[in-house]
Amino acid sequence: MIELVPMNTEQFMTFRKQSMHDFAAEKVAAGEWQESDALEQAIQSFAKYLPNGLETEGAFIYNVRDSQSQEDVGYLWVQVNETPRGKIAFIYDILIREQYQNKGYGTGTMLALEQAMKEQEVQRIDLHVFGHNDRALHVYQKVGYYITDYHMSKVL
């Protein structure tokens, strides 16, 4: 079973560093950013979407914890915003550490998130998945997410 445990400041600093580096690498892998300035662009993105760190309004940043072993197996960042259609959550980052992958933690995390967002009276959870991330796409579809849009490219 998975618990979503709010991060403390020290954990947030570790998360922020890893998440920025991972985001930059994903953008480079997707062909959207150049490697030479990807980290700077990721830093700017974090400044925009988490201007007040853990205190950013609507930000929920969790450690993903195995409730039996009490080990942190990953992390999750979700932003909740009020819209004309009600409260909408957007998953900005989710990571299950490599040694815990393919053990049901991704699915468990998504189900725990659903419960947490219901408690926040969220009507819908949205996310973005990079096209090269088949593993994540499989997990999301497994728990009921469906594709709402395609963004396609062809390298010449």
N, C-alpha and C. Protein backbone atom coordinates (compact mmCIF):
# COMPACT_ATOMS: atom_id res chain seq x y z
N MET A 1 0.85 -1.18 0.00
CA MET A 1 0.00 0.00 0.00
C MET A 1 0.89 1.25 0.00
N ILE A 2 0.41 2.27 -0.66
CA ILE A 2 1.16 3.52 -0.83
C ILE A 2 0.57 4.62 0.04
N GLU A 3 1.47 5.39 0.64
CA GLU A 3 1.09 6.61 1.35
C GLU A 3 1.75 7.78 0.63
N LEU A 4 1.03 8.88 0.53
CA LEU A 4 1.59 10.12 -0.01
C LEU A 4 1.88 11.02 1.19
N VAL A 5 3.18 11.26 1.43
CA VAL A 5 3.61 11.98 2.63
C VAL A 5 4.19 13.32 2.20
N PRO A 6 3.62 14.43 2.66
CA PRO A 6 4.15 15.74 2.28
C PRO A 6 5.63 15.85 2.62
N MET A 7 6.39 16.45 1.69
CA MET A 7 7.84 16.62 1.89
C MET A 7 8.12 17.72 2.88
N ASN A 8 9.27 17.59 3.55
CA ASN A 8 9.78 18.69 4.36
C ASN A 8 10.74 19.51 3.49
N THR A 9 11.27 20.59 4.03
CA THR A 9 12.12 21.49 3.25
C THR A 9 13.37 20.80 2.72
N GLU A 10 14.03 20.01 3.55
CA GLU A 10 15.25 19.32 3.12
C GLU A 10 14.94 18.33 1.99
N GLN A 11 13.87 17.58 2.13
CA GLN A 11 13.48 16.63 1.08
C GLN A 11 13.12 17.37 -0.20
N PHE A 12 12.46 18.52 -0.05
CA PHE A 12 12.09 19.31 -1.21
C PHE A 12 13.31 19.76 -1.99
N MET A 13 14.36 20.18 -1.31
CA MET A 13 15.57 20.64 -1.99
C MET A 13 16.19 19.50 -2.81
N THR A 14 16.20 18.30 -2.28
CA THR A 14 16.71 17.14 -3.01
C THR A 14 15.81 16.83 -4.20
N PHE A 15 14.49 16.84 -3.98
CA PHE A 15 13.52 16.61 -5.06
C PHE A 15 13.71 17.64 -6.17
N ARG A 16 13.80 18.91 -5.79
CA ARG A 16 13.89 20.00 -6.77
C ARG A 16 15.10 19.80 -7.68
N LYS A 17 16.24 19.49 -7.10
CA LYS A 17 17.45 19.30 -7.88
C LYS A 17 17.30 18.12 -8.85
N GLN A 18 16.84 16.98 -8.34
CA GLN A 18 16.69 15.81 -9.20
C GLN A 18 15.63 16.03 -10.26
N SER A 19 14.52 16.60 -9.88
CA SER A 19 13.42 16.82 -10.82
C SER A 19 13.82 17.76 -11.95
N MET A 20 14.55 18.83 -11.62
CA MET A 20 15.00 19.76 -12.66
C MET A 20 15.94 19.06 -13.65
N HIS A 21 16.86 18.28 -13.12
CA HIS A 21 17.80 17.57 -14.00
C HIS A 21 17.07 16.55 -14.88
N ASP A 22 16.13 15.81 -14.28
CA ASP A 22 15.36 14.82 -15.04
C ASP A 22 14.49 15.50 -16.11
N PHE A 23 13.87 16.62 -15.76
CA PHE A 23 13.03 17.34 -16.70
C PHE A 23 13.84 17.84 -17.88
N ALA A 24 15.01 18.40 -17.59
CA ALA A 24 15.89 18.87 -18.65
C ALA A 24 16.28 17.72 -19.57
N ALA A 25 16.64 16.58 -19.00
CA ALA A 25 17.04 15.41 -19.80
C ALA A 25 15.88 14.90 -20.65
N GLU A 26 14.67 14.90 -20.10
CA GLU A 26 13.49 14.46 -20.86
C GLU A 26 13.21 15.39 -22.03
N LYS A 27 13.34 16.69 -21.81
CA LYS A 27 13.11 17.66 -22.88
C LYS A 27 14.15 17.51 -23.99
N VAL A 28 15.39 17.23 -23.61
CA VAL A 28 16.44 16.98 -24.61
C VAL A 28 16.13 15.70 -25.37
N ALA A 29 15.77 14.63 -24.65
CA ALA A 29 15.46 13.35 -25.29
C ALA A 29 14.28 13.47 -26.25
N ALA A 30 13.34 14.34 -25.91
CA ALA A 30 12.16 14.54 -26.77
C ALA A 30 12.46 15.46 -27.94
N GLY A 31 13.66 16.04 -27.97
CA GLY A 31 14.06 16.92 -29.06
C GLY A 31 13.51 18.33 -28.94
N GLU A 32 13.03 18.70 -27.77
CA GLU A 32 12.43 20.02 -27.58
C GLU A 32 13.44 21.08 -27.13
N TRP A 33 14.48 20.67 -26.41
CA TRP A 33 15.49 21.60 -25.92
C TRP A 33 16.87 21.13 -26.35
N GLN A 34 17.80 22.09 -26.42
CA GLN A 34 19.20 21.78 -26.67
C GLN A 34 19.87 21.45 -25.33
N GLU A 35 20.75 20.49 -25.34
CA GLU A 35 21.41 20.09 -24.10
C GLU A 35 22.16 21.24 -23.45
N SER A 36 22.73 22.12 -24.25
CA SER A 36 23.56 23.21 -23.73
C SER A 36 22.81 24.17 -22.80
N ASP A 37 21.53 24.35 -23.02
CA ASP A 37 20.78 25.28 -22.16
C ASP A 37 19.57 24.64 -21.48
N ALA A 38 19.48 23.32 -21.52
CA ALA A 38 18.32 22.62 -20.97
C ALA A 38 18.18 22.83 -19.46
N LEU A 39 19.27 22.75 -18.73
CA LEU A 39 19.17 22.92 -17.28
C LEU A 39 18.70 24.32 -16.93
N GLU A 40 19.20 25.33 -17.62
CA GLU A 40 18.76 26.70 -17.35
C GLU A 40 17.26 26.85 -17.64
N GLN A 41 16.78 26.22 -18.71
CA GLN A 41 15.36 26.29 -19.03
C GLN A 41 14.53 25.57 -17.95
N ALA A 42 15.05 24.46 -17.44
CA ALA A 42 14.35 23.74 -16.37
C ALA A 42 14.29 24.59 -15.11
N ILE A 43 15.39 25.28 -14.79
CA ILE A 43 15.41 26.17 -13.63
C ILE A 43 14.36 27.27 -13.77
N GLN A 44 14.26 27.85 -14.95
CA GLN A 44 13.25 28.88 -15.21
C GLN A 44 11.84 28.32 -15.09
N SER A 45 11.64 27.10 -15.56
CA SER A 45 10.33 26.46 -15.46
C SER A 45 9.93 26.26 -14.00
N PHE A 46 10.86 25.79 -13.19
CA PHE A 46 10.57 25.61 -11.77
C PHE A 46 10.28 26.94 -11.09
N ALA A 47 11.01 27.98 -11.46
CA ALA A 47 10.77 29.30 -10.89
C ALA A 47 9.35 29.78 -11.22
N LYS A 48 8.89 29.43 -12.40
CA LYS A 48 7.54 29.82 -12.84
C LYS A 48 6.46 29.03 -12.12
N TYR A 49 6.63 27.70 -12.04
CA TYR A 49 5.56 26.84 -11.52
C TYR A 49 5.63 26.56 -10.02
N LEU A 50 6.80 26.78 -9.42
CA LEU A 50 6.95 26.63 -7.96
C LEU A 50 7.66 27.85 -7.40
N PRO A 51 7.07 29.05 -7.60
CA PRO A 51 7.77 30.28 -7.19
C PRO A 51 8.04 30.36 -5.69
N ASN A 52 7.22 29.71 -4.90
CA ASN A 52 7.39 29.76 -3.45
C ASN A 52 7.71 28.38 -2.88
N GLY A 53 8.31 27.52 -3.70
CA GLY A 53 8.70 26.20 -3.23
C GLY A 53 7.52 25.43 -2.67
N LEU A 54 7.73 24.84 -1.52
CA LEU A 54 6.66 24.06 -0.87
C LEU A 54 5.46 24.91 -0.51
N GLU A 55 5.65 26.21 -0.41
CA GLU A 55 4.56 27.12 -0.02
C GLU A 55 3.78 27.65 -1.22
N THR A 56 4.07 27.15 -2.42
CA THR A 56 3.35 27.59 -3.61
C THR A 56 1.88 27.16 -3.49
N GLU A 57 1.00 28.12 -3.69
CA GLU A 57 -0.43 27.83 -3.58
C GLU A 57 -0.84 26.73 -4.55
N GLY A 58 -1.55 25.74 -4.04
CA GLY A 58 -2.07 24.65 -4.87
C GLY A 58 -1.08 23.53 -5.14
N ALA A 59 0.18 23.68 -4.68
CA ALA A 59 1.19 22.65 -4.92
C ALA A 59 1.13 21.58 -3.83
N PHE A 60 1.12 20.33 -4.26
CA PHE A 60 1.18 19.19 -3.37
C PHE A 60 2.40 18.38 -3.79
N ILE A 61 3.40 18.33 -2.93
CA ILE A 61 4.65 17.64 -3.25
C ILE A 61 4.87 16.57 -2.19
N TYR A 62 4.83 15.33 -2.65
CA TYR A 62 4.82 14.19 -1.74
C TYR A 62 6.02 13.28 -1.94
N ASN A 63 6.42 12.62 -0.86
CA ASN A 63 7.21 11.41 -0.95
C ASN A 63 6.22 10.28 -1.14
N VAL A 64 6.54 9.35 -2.02
CA VAL A 64 5.73 8.16 -2.21
C VAL A 64 6.33 7.10 -1.30
N ARG A 65 5.54 6.65 -0.32
CA ARG A 65 6.05 5.76 0.71
C ARG A 65 5.31 4.43 0.70
N ASP A 66 6.09 3.36 0.80
CA ASP A 66 5.53 2.02 1.00
C ASP A 66 5.11 1.96 2.46
N SER A 67 3.82 1.81 2.73
CA SER A 67 3.33 1.89 4.11
C SER A 67 3.77 0.70 4.95
N GLN A 68 4.13 -0.42 4.33
CA GLN A 68 4.60 -1.57 5.12
C GLN A 68 6.06 -1.42 5.52
N SER A 69 6.93 -1.12 4.54
CA SER A 69 8.36 -1.02 4.83
C SER A 69 8.76 0.37 5.33
N GLN A 70 7.89 1.35 5.14
CA GLN A 70 8.14 2.75 5.47
C GLN A 70 9.29 3.34 4.64
N GLU A 71 9.59 2.72 3.49
CA GLU A 71 10.61 3.24 2.58
C GLU A 71 9.97 4.22 1.61
N ASP A 72 10.70 5.31 1.33
CA ASP A 72 10.27 6.23 0.28
C ASP A 72 10.73 5.64 -1.04
N VAL A 73 9.77 5.34 -1.92
CA VAL A 73 10.08 4.67 -3.19
C VAL A 73 10.07 5.64 -4.36
N GLY A 74 9.69 6.88 -4.12
CA GLY A 74 9.65 7.87 -5.18
C GLY A 74 9.07 9.18 -4.68
N TYR A 75 8.63 9.99 -5.64
CA TYR A 75 8.02 11.26 -5.29
C TYR A 75 6.96 11.65 -6.32
N LEU A 76 6.17 12.65 -5.94
CA LEU A 76 5.05 13.10 -6.77
C LEU A 76 4.81 14.58 -6.53
N TRP A 77 4.64 15.33 -7.64
CA TRP A 77 4.31 16.76 -7.55
C TRP A 77 3.04 16.98 -8.37
N VAL A 78 2.02 17.49 -7.68
CA VAL A 78 0.73 17.77 -8.30
C VAL A 78 0.36 19.21 -7.99
N GLN A 79 -0.20 19.89 -8.98
CA GLN A 79 -0.67 21.26 -8.80
C GLN A 79 -2.18 21.27 -8.97
N VAL A 80 -2.90 21.85 -8.03
CA VAL A 80 -4.36 21.96 -8.11
C VAL A 80 -4.71 23.42 -8.37
N ASN A 81 -5.53 23.62 -9.39
CA ASN A 81 -5.97 24.96 -9.76
C ASN A 81 -7.49 25.00 -9.90
N GLU A 82 -8.04 26.12 -9.54
CA GLU A 82 -9.47 26.38 -9.71
C GLU A 82 -9.67 26.84 -11.15
N THR A 83 -10.61 26.23 -11.87
CA THR A 83 -10.91 26.60 -13.25
C THR A 83 -12.41 26.81 -13.38
N PRO A 84 -12.88 27.34 -14.51
CA PRO A 84 -14.33 27.46 -14.71
C PRO A 84 -15.05 26.11 -14.64
N ARG A 85 -14.31 25.01 -14.85
CA ARG A 85 -14.89 23.66 -14.79
C ARG A 85 -14.69 23.00 -13.44
N GLY A 86 -14.22 23.76 -12.46
CA GLY A 86 -13.97 23.20 -11.14
C GLY A 86 -12.49 23.02 -10.89
N LYS A 87 -12.17 22.31 -9.83
CA LYS A 87 -10.77 22.07 -9.49
C LYS A 87 -10.18 21.01 -10.40
N ILE A 88 -9.03 21.35 -10.99
CA ILE A 88 -8.31 20.44 -11.87
C ILE A 88 -6.90 20.27 -11.30
N ALA A 89 -6.45 19.03 -11.21
CA ALA A 89 -5.09 18.74 -10.77
C ALA A 89 -4.25 18.39 -11.99
N PHE A 90 -3.00 18.80 -11.96
CA PHE A 90 -2.06 18.45 -13.03
C PHE A 90 -0.82 17.84 -12.39
N ILE A 91 -0.45 16.66 -12.85
CA ILE A 91 0.75 16.00 -12.36
C ILE A 91 1.95 16.59 -13.10
N TYR A 92 2.79 17.29 -12.37
CA TYR A 92 3.99 17.87 -12.97
C TYR A 92 5.15 16.88 -12.96
N ASP A 93 5.23 16.07 -11.93
CA ASP A 93 6.33 15.12 -11.88
C ASP A 93 5.94 13.93 -11.02
N ILE A 94 6.32 12.77 -11.49
CA ILE A 94 6.16 11.55 -10.72
C ILE A 94 7.37 10.69 -11.03
N LEU A 95 7.92 10.12 -9.98
CA LEU A 95 9.07 9.24 -10.14
C LEU A 95 8.96 8.10 -9.16
N ILE A 96 9.07 6.89 -9.68
CA ILE A 96 9.27 5.70 -8.86
C ILE A 96 10.72 5.30 -9.11
N ARG A 97 11.52 5.27 -8.07
CA ARG A 97 12.94 4.97 -8.23
C ARG A 97 13.12 3.61 -8.89
N GLU A 98 14.18 3.51 -9.67
CA GLU A 98 14.41 2.35 -10.54
C GLU A 98 14.29 1.01 -9.82
N GLN A 99 14.85 0.90 -8.63
CA GLN A 99 14.83 -0.38 -7.93
C GLN A 99 13.43 -0.79 -7.48
N TYR A 100 12.47 0.14 -7.54
CA TYR A 100 11.10 -0.15 -7.13
C TYR A 100 10.14 -0.29 -8.31
N GLN A 101 10.64 -0.10 -9.51
CA GLN A 101 9.78 -0.18 -10.69
C GLN A 101 9.37 -1.61 -10.98
N ASN A 102 8.23 -1.74 -11.65
CA ASN A 102 7.65 -3.04 -12.01
C ASN A 102 7.24 -3.86 -10.79
N LYS A 103 6.87 -3.16 -9.71
CA LYS A 103 6.43 -3.84 -8.49
C LYS A 103 5.07 -3.33 -8.02
N GLY A 104 4.40 -2.57 -8.89
CA GLY A 104 3.07 -2.07 -8.55
C GLY A 104 3.05 -0.72 -7.87
N TYR A 105 4.21 -0.11 -7.65
CA TYR A 105 4.25 1.18 -6.96
C TYR A 105 3.67 2.31 -7.81
N GLY A 106 3.89 2.26 -9.13
CA GLY A 106 3.33 3.29 -10.00
C GLY A 106 1.81 3.27 -9.96
N THR A 107 1.24 2.09 -10.10
CA THR A 107 -0.22 1.94 -10.04
C THR A 107 -0.73 2.37 -8.67
N GLY A 108 -0.05 1.92 -7.61
CA GLY A 108 -0.47 2.29 -6.26
C GLY A 108 -0.41 3.79 -6.02
N THR A 109 0.61 4.42 -6.58
CA THR A 109 0.75 5.87 -6.43
C THR A 109 -0.40 6.60 -7.11
N MET A 110 -0.74 6.16 -8.31
CA MET A 110 -1.84 6.81 -9.03
C MET A 110 -3.17 6.64 -8.30
N LEU A 111 -3.40 5.48 -7.71
CA LEU A 111 -4.63 5.25 -6.96
C LEU A 111 -4.64 6.06 -5.66
N ALA A 112 -3.50 6.16 -4.98
CA ALA A 112 -3.42 6.99 -3.78
C ALA A 112 -3.65 8.46 -4.12
N LEU A 113 -3.13 8.88 -5.28
CA LEU A 113 -3.33 10.26 -5.72
C LEU A 113 -4.82 10.53 -5.96
N GLU A 114 -5.50 9.59 -6.60
CA GLU A 114 -6.94 9.77 -6.83
C GLU A 114 -7.66 10.03 -5.51
N GLN A 115 -7.36 9.23 -4.49
CA GLN A 115 -8.01 9.41 -3.20
C GLN A 115 -7.67 10.78 -2.60
N ALA A 116 -6.40 11.16 -2.65
CA ALA A 116 -5.98 12.45 -2.10
C ALA A 116 -6.68 13.61 -2.82
N MET A 117 -6.82 13.50 -4.12
CA MET A 117 -7.45 14.58 -4.89
C MET A 117 -8.96 14.61 -4.68
N LYS A 118 -9.58 13.48 -4.47
CA LYS A 118 -11.00 13.47 -4.11
C LYS A 118 -11.22 14.22 -2.81
N GLU A 119 -10.30 14.05 -1.86
CA GLU A 119 -10.40 14.77 -0.59
C GLU A 119 -10.25 16.27 -0.78
N GLN A 120 -9.57 16.70 -1.85
CA GLN A 120 -9.42 18.12 -2.18
C GLN A 120 -10.55 18.61 -3.09
N GLU A 121 -11.53 17.75 -3.37
CA GLU A 121 -12.68 18.04 -4.24
C GLU A 121 -12.26 18.36 -5.67
N VAL A 122 -11.22 17.68 -6.13
CA VAL A 122 -10.75 17.81 -7.50
C VAL A 122 -11.66 16.99 -8.41
N GLN A 123 -12.04 17.58 -9.57
CA GLN A 123 -12.91 16.89 -10.52
C GLN A 123 -12.14 16.06 -11.54
N ARG A 124 -10.89 16.45 -11.82
CA ARG A 124 -10.14 15.76 -12.89
C ARG A 124 -8.65 15.89 -12.62
N ILE A 125 -7.92 14.85 -13.01
CA ILE A 125 -6.46 14.88 -12.94
C ILE A 125 -5.94 14.78 -14.37
N ASP A 126 -5.08 15.74 -14.74
CA ASP A 126 -4.44 15.75 -16.05
C ASP A 126 -2.95 15.49 -15.88
N LEU A 127 -2.32 15.08 -16.96
CA LEU A 127 -0.88 14.87 -16.96
C LEU A 127 -0.36 14.93 -18.37
N HIS A 128 0.95 15.04 -18.49
CA HIS A 128 1.64 14.97 -19.77
C HIS A 128 2.61 13.82 -19.68
N VAL A 129 2.72 13.04 -20.74
CA VAL A 129 3.71 11.97 -20.78
C VAL A 129 4.51 12.11 -22.07
N PHE A 130 5.83 12.04 -21.95
CA PHE A 130 6.67 12.12 -23.14
C PHE A 130 6.43 10.88 -23.99
N GLY A 131 6.42 11.07 -25.31
CA GLY A 131 6.13 10.00 -26.24
C GLY A 131 7.05 8.81 -26.14
N HIS A 132 8.28 9.02 -25.68
CA HIS A 132 9.24 7.92 -25.56
C HIS A 132 9.10 7.15 -24.26
N ASN A 133 8.17 7.54 -23.39
CA ASN A 133 8.03 6.92 -22.07
C ASN A 133 6.90 5.89 -22.07
N ASP A 134 7.14 4.77 -22.75
CA ASP A 134 6.12 3.72 -22.86
C ASP A 134 5.71 3.15 -21.51
N ARG A 135 6.66 3.02 -20.59
CA ARG A 135 6.35 2.44 -19.27
C ARG A 135 5.30 3.30 -18.55
N ALA A 136 5.52 4.61 -18.54
CA ALA A 136 4.57 5.50 -17.86
C ALA A 136 3.22 5.48 -18.56
N LEU A 137 3.23 5.52 -19.87
CA LEU A 137 1.97 5.49 -20.62
C LEU A 137 1.16 4.24 -20.26
N HIS A 138 1.84 3.10 -20.15
CA HIS A 138 1.17 1.86 -19.80
C HIS A 138 0.51 1.97 -18.41
N VAL A 139 1.25 2.50 -17.43
CA VAL A 139 0.70 2.63 -16.07
C VAL A 139 -0.52 3.54 -16.08
N TYR A 140 -0.42 4.68 -16.76
CA TYR A 140 -1.54 5.62 -16.77
C TYR A 140 -2.78 5.01 -17.41
N GLN A 141 -2.59 4.34 -18.52
CA GLN A 141 -3.74 3.71 -19.18
C GLN A 141 -4.31 2.59 -18.32
N LYS A 142 -3.47 1.89 -17.61
CA LYS A 142 -3.90 0.78 -16.75
C LYS A 142 -4.86 1.27 -15.66
N VAL A 143 -4.64 2.49 -15.17
CA VAL A 143 -5.50 3.01 -14.09
C VAL A 143 -6.60 3.94 -14.61
N GLY A 144 -6.82 3.93 -15.93
CA GLY A 144 -7.99 4.61 -16.47
C GLY A 144 -7.77 5.93 -17.17
N TYR A 145 -6.54 6.37 -17.32
CA TYR A 145 -6.29 7.61 -18.07
C TYR A 145 -6.39 7.30 -19.56
N TYR A 146 -6.82 8.28 -20.31
CA TYR A 146 -6.94 8.11 -21.76
C TYR A 146 -6.29 9.30 -22.46
N ILE A 147 -5.88 9.07 -23.69
CA ILE A 147 -5.20 10.10 -24.47
C ILE A 147 -6.22 11.14 -24.91
N THR A 148 -5.90 12.40 -24.67
CA THR A 148 -6.78 13.50 -25.06
C THR A 148 -6.22 14.32 -26.20
N ASP A 149 -4.95 14.11 -26.55
CA ASP A 149 -4.32 14.93 -27.56
C ASP A 149 -3.05 14.21 -28.03
N TYR A 150 -2.65 14.45 -29.24
CA TYR A 150 -1.37 13.97 -29.75
C TYR A 150 -0.57 15.17 -30.23
N HIS A 151 0.69 15.21 -29.90
CA HIS A 151 1.63 16.20 -30.42
C HIS A 151 2.68 15.39 -31.14
N MET A 152 2.84 15.58 -32.43
CA MET A 152 3.74 14.73 -33.20
C MET A 152 4.81 15.56 -33.90
N SER A 153 5.95 14.91 -34.15
CA SER A 153 7.06 15.56 -34.84
C SER A 153 7.72 14.56 -35.78
N LYS A 154 8.44 15.12 -36.75
CA LYS A 154 9.26 14.30 -37.64
C LYS A 154 10.57 15.04 -37.80
N VAL A 155 11.67 14.37 -37.46
CA VAL A 155 12.98 14.96 -37.59
C VAL A 155 13.43 14.82 -39.03
N LEU A 156 13.89 15.89 -39.63
CA LEU A 156 14.35 15.88 -41.03
C LEU A 156 15.86 15.88 -41.11
